[in-house]
Protein backbone atom coordinates (compact mmCIF):
# COMPACT_ATOMS: atom_id res chain seq x y z
CA MET A 1 202.30 -59.52 119.64
CA SER A 2 202.24 -63.24 119.21
CA LYS A 3 201.67 -63.17 115.51
CA LEU A 4 204.54 -60.21 115.09
CA GLY A 5 207.37 -62.55 116.87
CA ARG A 6 208.62 -61.17 119.42
CA VAL A 7 209.05 -62.37 122.81
CA ALA A 8 209.07 -59.63 126.02
CA VAL A 9 211.75 -61.07 128.12
CA VAL A 10 212.94 -59.15 131.56
CA ALA A 11 216.34 -59.89 131.93
CA ALA A 12 216.02 -59.13 135.96
CA SER A 13 219.38 -59.42 136.91
CA THR A 14 220.25 -56.22 134.43
CA ILE A 15 217.99 -53.80 136.42
CA ALA A 16 219.22 -55.44 139.65
CA ILE A 17 222.56 -54.35 139.48
CA LEU A 18 221.25 -50.74 138.17
CA VAL A 19 219.69 -50.12 141.16
CA VAL A 20 222.16 -51.54 143.45
CA MET A 21 224.95 -49.33 141.48
CA ALA A 22 222.15 -46.71 142.43
CA GLN A 23 221.64 -47.04 145.87
CA SER A 24 225.69 -48.01 146.23
CA ALA A 25 225.51 -44.14 145.44
CA ALA A 26 223.22 -43.05 147.20
CA ASN A 27 224.46 -44.44 150.49
CA ALA A 28 228.01 -42.87 150.19
CA GLY A 29 226.12 -39.17 150.14
CA GLU A 30 226.75 -39.54 146.07
CA PRO A 31 224.04 -37.02 144.53
CA MET A 32 222.19 -39.01 142.00
CA PRO A 33 220.63 -36.43 139.34
CA LEU A 34 218.54 -39.27 137.50
CA GLN A 35 217.28 -42.13 138.70
CA LEU A 36 216.20 -45.52 136.98
CA GLU A 37 212.31 -45.55 137.20
CA ALA A 38 211.82 -48.87 135.24
CA ARG A 39 212.68 -50.89 132.59
CA ILE A 40 210.74 -51.72 129.05
CA PRO A 41 211.81 -54.85 126.72
CA LEU A 42 211.83 -54.73 123.76
CA GLY A 43 212.08 -58.17 123.13
CA GLN A 44 213.35 -60.03 120.32
CA VAL A 45 215.06 -57.02 118.62
CA ALA A 46 218.66 -57.35 117.45
CA GLY A 47 221.50 -54.73 116.42
CA ARG A 48 221.61 -51.53 116.72
CA ILE A 49 219.46 -49.28 117.95
CA ASP A 50 218.84 -45.38 117.01
CA HIS A 51 216.58 -41.84 117.86
CA MET A 52 213.09 -41.93 118.57
CA ALA A 53 210.14 -40.07 118.86
CA VAL A 54 207.20 -39.15 121.24
CA ASP A 55 202.61 -38.98 120.54
CA PHE A 56 201.54 -37.61 123.13
CA ALA A 57 198.13 -37.36 123.03
CA ARG A 58 198.62 -41.76 122.93
CA ARG A 59 201.53 -41.03 125.21
CA ARG A 60 203.75 -43.64 122.86
CA LEU A 61 207.26 -44.32 122.51
CA PHE A 62 208.63 -44.53 118.40
CA VAL A 63 211.86 -46.67 118.64
CA ALA A 64 213.96 -47.01 115.46
CA GLU A 65 215.21 -50.64 115.67
CA LEU A 66 218.12 -49.60 113.27
CA GLY A 67 219.67 -53.34 113.18
CA ASN A 68 216.43 -55.52 113.22
CA ASN A 69 215.20 -53.06 110.10
CA THR A 70 211.82 -52.26 112.25
CA VAL A 71 209.62 -49.77 114.34
CA GLY A 72 208.77 -50.36 118.11
CA VAL A 73 205.85 -48.47 119.46
CA VAL A 74 206.41 -48.70 122.86
CA ASP A 75 202.77 -47.56 125.67
CA LEU A 76 204.18 -45.67 128.16
CA ASP A 77 201.63 -46.29 130.72
CA ARG A 78 201.33 -49.64 130.81
CA LYS A 79 205.25 -49.99 130.02
CA LYS A 80 205.08 -52.80 127.08
CA VAL A 81 205.52 -52.37 123.58
CA ILE A 82 202.34 -52.62 121.42
CA HIS A 83 202.67 -52.74 117.80
CA VAL A 84 205.95 -53.42 115.54
CA ILE A 85 206.67 -51.77 111.84
CA GLU A 86 208.01 -54.09 109.86
CA GLY A 87 209.43 -54.48 106.17
CA LEU A 88 212.01 -51.39 106.77
CA LYS A 89 214.95 -51.00 105.86
CA GLU A 90 217.80 -49.89 108.76
CA PRO A 91 215.55 -47.00 110.05
CA GLN A 92 217.05 -44.06 111.61
CA GLY A 93 215.18 -41.02 112.36
CA VAL A 94 211.31 -40.67 113.18
CA ALA A 95 208.87 -37.94 114.16
CA TYR A 96 205.27 -37.74 114.74
CA VAL A 97 203.43 -34.64 113.31
CA ALA A 98 200.40 -34.32 115.19
CA SER A 99 199.09 -31.87 113.03
CA SER A 100 198.58 -34.73 110.21
CA ASP A 101 198.83 -37.61 112.93
CA SER A 102 201.53 -39.27 110.73
CA LEU A 103 205.10 -41.36 111.76
CA TYR A 104 207.54 -40.37 109.66
CA VAL A 105 210.65 -42.98 109.04
CA ALA A 106 213.97 -42.26 107.35
CA ASN A 107 215.85 -45.24 106.56
CA ALA A 108 219.55 -45.71 106.28
CA GLY A 109 219.78 -48.96 104.26
CA ASP A 110 217.60 -47.09 100.48
CA GLY A 111 217.27 -43.68 101.91
CA SER A 112 213.03 -43.54 101.49
CA VAL A 113 210.77 -42.10 104.05
CA HIS A 114 207.89 -44.17 105.40
CA ARG A 115 204.56 -42.50 106.54
CA PHE A 116 202.09 -44.13 108.51
CA GLY A 117 199.28 -43.25 110.04
CA GLY A 118 199.39 -42.56 113.46
CA ASN A 119 196.24 -44.11 114.92
CA ASP A 120 196.97 -47.78 113.34
CA TYR A 121 200.33 -47.64 111.79
CA LYS A 122 199.45 -48.27 108.48
CA LYS A 123 202.23 -47.02 105.44
CA VAL A 124 200.38 -44.26 103.21
CA ASP A 125 203.06 -43.45 101.20
CA ARG A 126 206.60 -44.01 100.37
CA LEU A 127 209.55 -41.02 98.94
CA GLU A 128 212.46 -42.30 97.33
CA LEU A 129 214.82 -39.46 99.08
CA GLY A 130 218.64 -40.42 98.95
CA ASP A 131 221.61 -41.96 100.18
CA ASP A 132 221.70 -43.14 103.86
CA ALA A 133 218.42 -41.07 104.83
CA ASP A 134 219.08 -39.86 108.70
CA ASN A 135 218.05 -37.66 111.12
CA ILE A 136 214.10 -35.95 111.38
CA ARG A 137 213.23 -32.63 112.66
CA VAL A 138 209.71 -31.20 112.66
CA ASP A 139 208.99 -28.10 111.69
CA ALA A 140 205.67 -26.74 112.50
CA THR A 141 205.58 -23.57 111.77
CA ALA A 142 206.53 -23.95 108.49
CA LYS A 143 204.19 -27.27 108.61
CA GLN A 144 207.41 -29.47 107.31
CA ILE A 145 209.70 -32.12 108.25
CA VAL A 146 213.54 -32.44 107.44
CA VAL A 147 215.53 -34.90 106.41
CA GLY A 148 218.79 -35.48 106.57
CA TYR A 149 220.12 -37.59 104.05
CA GLY A 150 223.25 -37.80 101.23
CA SER A 151 226.98 -36.84 100.87
CA GLY A 152 225.19 -33.54 102.32
CA ALA A 153 221.46 -32.19 102.55
CA LEU A 154 218.90 -31.74 104.31
CA ALA A 155 215.55 -31.79 102.89
CA ARG A 156 212.18 -30.10 103.26
CA LEU A 157 209.15 -32.37 103.01
CA ASP A 158 205.40 -30.64 103.62
CA ALA A 159 204.38 -32.39 107.13
CA ALA A 160 200.48 -33.59 105.15
CA THR A 161 201.91 -34.85 102.27
CA GLY A 162 205.01 -36.00 102.67
CA ALA A 163 205.88 -34.10 99.29
CA LYS A 164 209.70 -33.02 98.64
CA VAL A 165 209.56 -29.79 99.00
CA SER A 166 213.35 -28.66 98.05
CA ASP A 167 216.72 -29.75 99.43
CA MET A 168 219.15 -27.69 101.27
CA ARG A 169 222.73 -28.74 100.43
CA LEU A 170 225.58 -29.09 102.30
CA LYS A 171 229.48 -29.35 102.12
CA ALA A 172 229.28 -33.71 103.51
CA HIS A 173 226.80 -35.67 105.53
CA PRO A 174 224.58 -34.61 107.74
CA GLU A 175 224.38 -35.67 111.22
CA ASN A 176 222.35 -34.06 114.13
CA PHE A 177 221.16 -31.24 113.50
CA GLN A 178 218.49 -28.70 115.49
CA LEU A 179 216.06 -26.16 113.93
CA ASP A 180 216.35 -22.95 115.95
CA PRO A 181 212.69 -22.04 117.58
CA THR A 182 213.79 -18.16 117.20
CA SER A 183 215.10 -17.71 113.95
CA PRO A 184 215.23 -19.29 110.21
CA ARG A 185 218.64 -21.21 111.37
CA ILE A 186 219.28 -24.58 111.40
CA PHE A 187 222.71 -25.52 113.02
CA VAL A 188 223.69 -28.90 111.76
CA ASN A 189 226.91 -30.69 112.71
CA VAL A 190 229.14 -32.13 109.50
CA PRO A 191 231.50 -33.94 111.15
CA ASP A 192 233.13 -35.65 107.83
CA ALA A 193 233.95 -31.50 107.00
CA LYS A 194 234.75 -31.16 110.72
CA GLU A 195 232.28 -28.19 111.05
CA ILE A 196 229.17 -26.97 112.37
CA ALA A 197 227.14 -25.77 109.75
CA VAL A 198 224.55 -23.11 109.91
CA VAL A 199 221.99 -23.14 107.34
CA ASP A 200 218.98 -20.42 106.69
CA ARG A 201 215.86 -22.39 105.95
CA SER A 202 214.23 -19.73 104.85
CA ASN A 203 215.96 -19.72 102.27
CA GLY A 204 217.61 -22.86 101.92
CA ARG A 205 221.31 -21.87 102.23
CA GLN A 206 224.23 -22.05 104.01
CA THR A 207 225.36 -19.16 105.62
CA ALA A 208 228.08 -20.08 108.22
CA SER A 209 230.88 -22.61 108.24
CA TRP A 210 232.25 -23.00 112.23
CA SER A 211 235.46 -24.83 112.68
CA MET A 212 235.86 -27.28 114.92
CA ARG A 213 239.12 -28.10 116.44
CA ASP A 214 237.67 -31.86 117.44
CA GLY A 215 236.31 -33.97 115.35
CA GLY A 216 232.84 -36.62 114.71
CA ASN A 217 230.97 -33.76 115.96
CA PHE A 218 227.49 -36.22 116.17
CA PRO A 219 225.50 -35.15 119.33
CA MET A 220 223.58 -31.39 119.17
CA ALA A 221 220.93 -29.59 121.42
CA LEU A 222 220.49 -26.12 121.61
CA ASP A 223 220.08 -23.56 124.38
CA GLY A 224 217.69 -20.97 123.45
CA ASP A 225 218.01 -19.10 126.84
CA ALA A 226 221.87 -18.68 126.87
CA GLN A 227 221.71 -18.99 122.40
CA ARG A 228 224.16 -21.25 122.69
CA VAL A 229 224.51 -24.10 120.26
CA ILE A 230 226.06 -27.62 122.59
CA ALA A 231 227.51 -30.55 120.11
CA VAL A 232 229.69 -33.42 121.81
CA PHE A 233 232.43 -34.90 119.70
CA ARG A 234 233.95 -38.33 119.27
CA ARG A 235 237.57 -37.56 118.66
CA PRO A 236 238.21 -36.93 121.61
CA PRO A 237 235.23 -37.11 123.71
CA VAL A 238 234.85 -33.56 124.71
CA LEU A 239 231.09 -31.17 125.43
CA GLY A 240 232.07 -28.32 123.17
CA VAL A 241 229.92 -24.74 123.54
CA PHE A 242 229.68 -22.09 121.46
CA SER A 243 227.75 -18.75 121.03
CA MET A 244 224.63 -18.87 118.38
CA ALA A 245 225.34 -15.76 117.24
CA ASP A 246 229.31 -16.21 115.57
CA GLY A 247 230.25 -19.72 116.85
CA ALA A 248 232.79 -18.17 119.07
CA SER A 249 234.30 -21.17 121.89
CA VAL A 250 231.95 -20.65 124.85
CA ALA A 251 233.41 -23.85 127.21
CA ARG A 252 235.13 -27.26 126.45
CA VAL A 253 235.34 -29.90 129.12
CA PRO A 254 235.58 -33.81 128.79
CA THR A 255 233.02 -36.40 129.07
CA CYS A 256 232.17 -39.91 128.58
CA GLY A 257 233.05 -41.95 124.72
CA ASP A 258 231.05 -42.76 121.62
CA ALA A 259 228.32 -40.14 122.40
CA ASP A 260 225.45 -40.58 120.76
CA ASP A 261 222.71 -37.62 121.94
CA VAL A 262 222.84 -34.83 124.10
CA PHE A 263 219.90 -33.04 125.29
CA LEU A 264 219.20 -30.00 127.78
CA ASP A 265 217.37 -29.81 130.75
CA ALA A 266 216.37 -26.26 130.66
CA GLY A 267 215.00 -26.08 134.33
CA ARG A 268 217.30 -27.97 135.90
CA HIS A 269 219.95 -26.40 134.38
CA ARG A 270 221.47 -29.55 133.21
CA VAL A 271 223.07 -31.52 130.28
CA TYR A 272 222.76 -35.07 129.66
CA VAL A 273 225.16 -37.00 127.19
CA THR A 274 224.49 -40.63 126.26
CA CYS A 275 227.60 -42.88 125.46
CA GLY A 276 227.87 -46.29 123.97
CA GLU A 277 230.65 -46.84 126.59
CA GLY A 278 227.95 -47.71 129.02
CA VAL A 279 226.84 -44.25 130.78
CA ILE A 280 225.18 -40.51 131.00
CA ASP A 281 227.18 -38.07 132.17
CA VAL A 282 225.10 -35.00 133.37
CA PHE A 283 226.62 -31.74 133.67
CA ALA A 284 225.40 -28.46 135.78
CA VAL A 285 225.37 -25.24 133.97
CA SER A 286 226.46 -22.10 135.51
CA GLY A 287 226.96 -19.12 133.39
CA SER A 288 229.28 -20.82 131.15
CA ALA A 289 231.09 -23.23 133.65
CA TYR A 290 230.03 -26.63 132.81
CA GLU A 291 230.43 -29.02 135.54
CA ARG A 292 230.00 -32.68 135.51
CA ILE A 293 227.73 -33.29 138.52
CA GLY A 294 227.17 -37.15 138.00
CA GLN A 295 227.77 -40.41 135.83
CA ILE A 296 224.86 -42.57 135.39
CA PRO A 297 225.44 -46.47 134.68
CA THR A 298 223.35 -47.54 131.75
CA ALA A 299 224.88 -50.50 129.21
CA SER A 300 226.76 -50.90 126.86
CA GLY A 301 226.23 -49.93 123.45
CA ALA A 302 223.70 -47.63 125.10
CA ARG A 303 224.27 -44.15 123.23
CA THR A 304 220.51 -43.28 121.28
CA SER A 305 218.36 -41.66 124.15
CA LEU A 306 215.22 -38.89 123.72
CA PHE A 307 215.01 -36.40 126.94
CA VAL A 308 211.16 -34.99 127.03
CA PRO A 309 210.90 -32.04 129.19
CA GLU A 310 206.63 -32.78 128.83
CA LEU A 311 207.30 -36.06 130.73
CA ASP A 312 210.45 -34.97 132.48
CA ARG A 313 211.84 -38.43 131.33
CA LEU A 314 215.24 -39.20 129.72
CA TYR A 315 214.78 -42.46 127.90
CA VAL A 316 218.02 -44.16 127.02
CA ALA A 317 217.70 -47.23 124.00
CA ALA A 318 220.20 -50.13 125.14
CA ARG A 319 220.46 -52.55 122.94
CA ALA A 320 220.61 -56.77 123.12
CA THR A 321 223.62 -58.20 124.45
CA ALA A 322 224.97 -61.77 125.20
CA GLY A 323 222.17 -62.95 127.53
CA GLN A 324 220.42 -59.70 127.87
CA PRO A 325 217.30 -58.07 125.68
CA ALA A 326 217.42 -54.83 124.12
CA SER A 327 214.76 -52.43 125.98
CA ILE A 328 214.22 -49.21 127.37
CA LEU A 329 215.99 -47.89 130.55
CA VAL A 330 213.40 -44.67 132.06
CA PHE A 331 215.68 -42.36 133.85
CA LYS A 332 213.64 -39.58 135.87
CA PRO A 333 215.44 -37.06 137.26
CA ASP A 334 216.28 -35.48 140.28
CA GLN A 335 212.86 -34.18 141.18
CA SER A 336 214.54 -32.34 144.46
CA ALA A 337 216.61 -30.63 142.14
CA PRO A 338 214.82 -26.89 140.91
CA LYS A 339 213.07 -26.60 137.92
């Protein structure tokens, strides 16, 4: 790591404060649906941190360090950074494709998508996609990856070669989007158009437009069992739940501010919302009711996260602040809760 100029500095005060807050809540008899398990320092990483992805076979976490123009590779067993991919331009989206052992990185700064080898992280190729390349999703069935970019498009790339296959047009820039595993549908947050778009990936056309009453819909998750789309809005900060069939509203409840990620813990029937105001909101789902059951402290600006059901952990990216280095906060769900 020294040749990369990365110094891993552990800020003991931060984790101590979080642990004390958690212990105080527990002593007060309050439920703690998430418990801080570890803090993994990222070293000298400046600025905003964006999305993450996992290589399950190697148990590695990829962290898009947008403000640092790097991607950090974290060994989850050793809880340390083992490699840094440099020379990027505001990386936002990352995706690991096991079938081709490739890591894809989408860059906002120059609209490029880079492909790296999954073993040595050497660059394989680079695609000039277009302005503001953003979120990435893996379509394992079609053996493609889908990348949101530009003033309104989802690009489909061949997962094995990285070559562009086609575009799916939208009204404005896509933020978080999710692929329905049981149908050809893609649900897309398009905040500048104040809508959730439904796209048919079999023909590449938008088939529905759900007009939203609230603004700033960035995070999204799908509840396949209940056939619902979960979206979080920033203006005002609310959690919205909609029927997959027609976009009808199922629930609308207040949540934390400056949200950038939301995940469903299907086994526990819970929803996790990570917010830049420095908390994780935890909601229990019962029928059409979404009840906040906990608000877990993180750090100011820690709004991006990744819930990995296979590892049963929520990873939260905490950017560097005055006196505190950037890190990944590892949260373990309450093991007493039924799965």
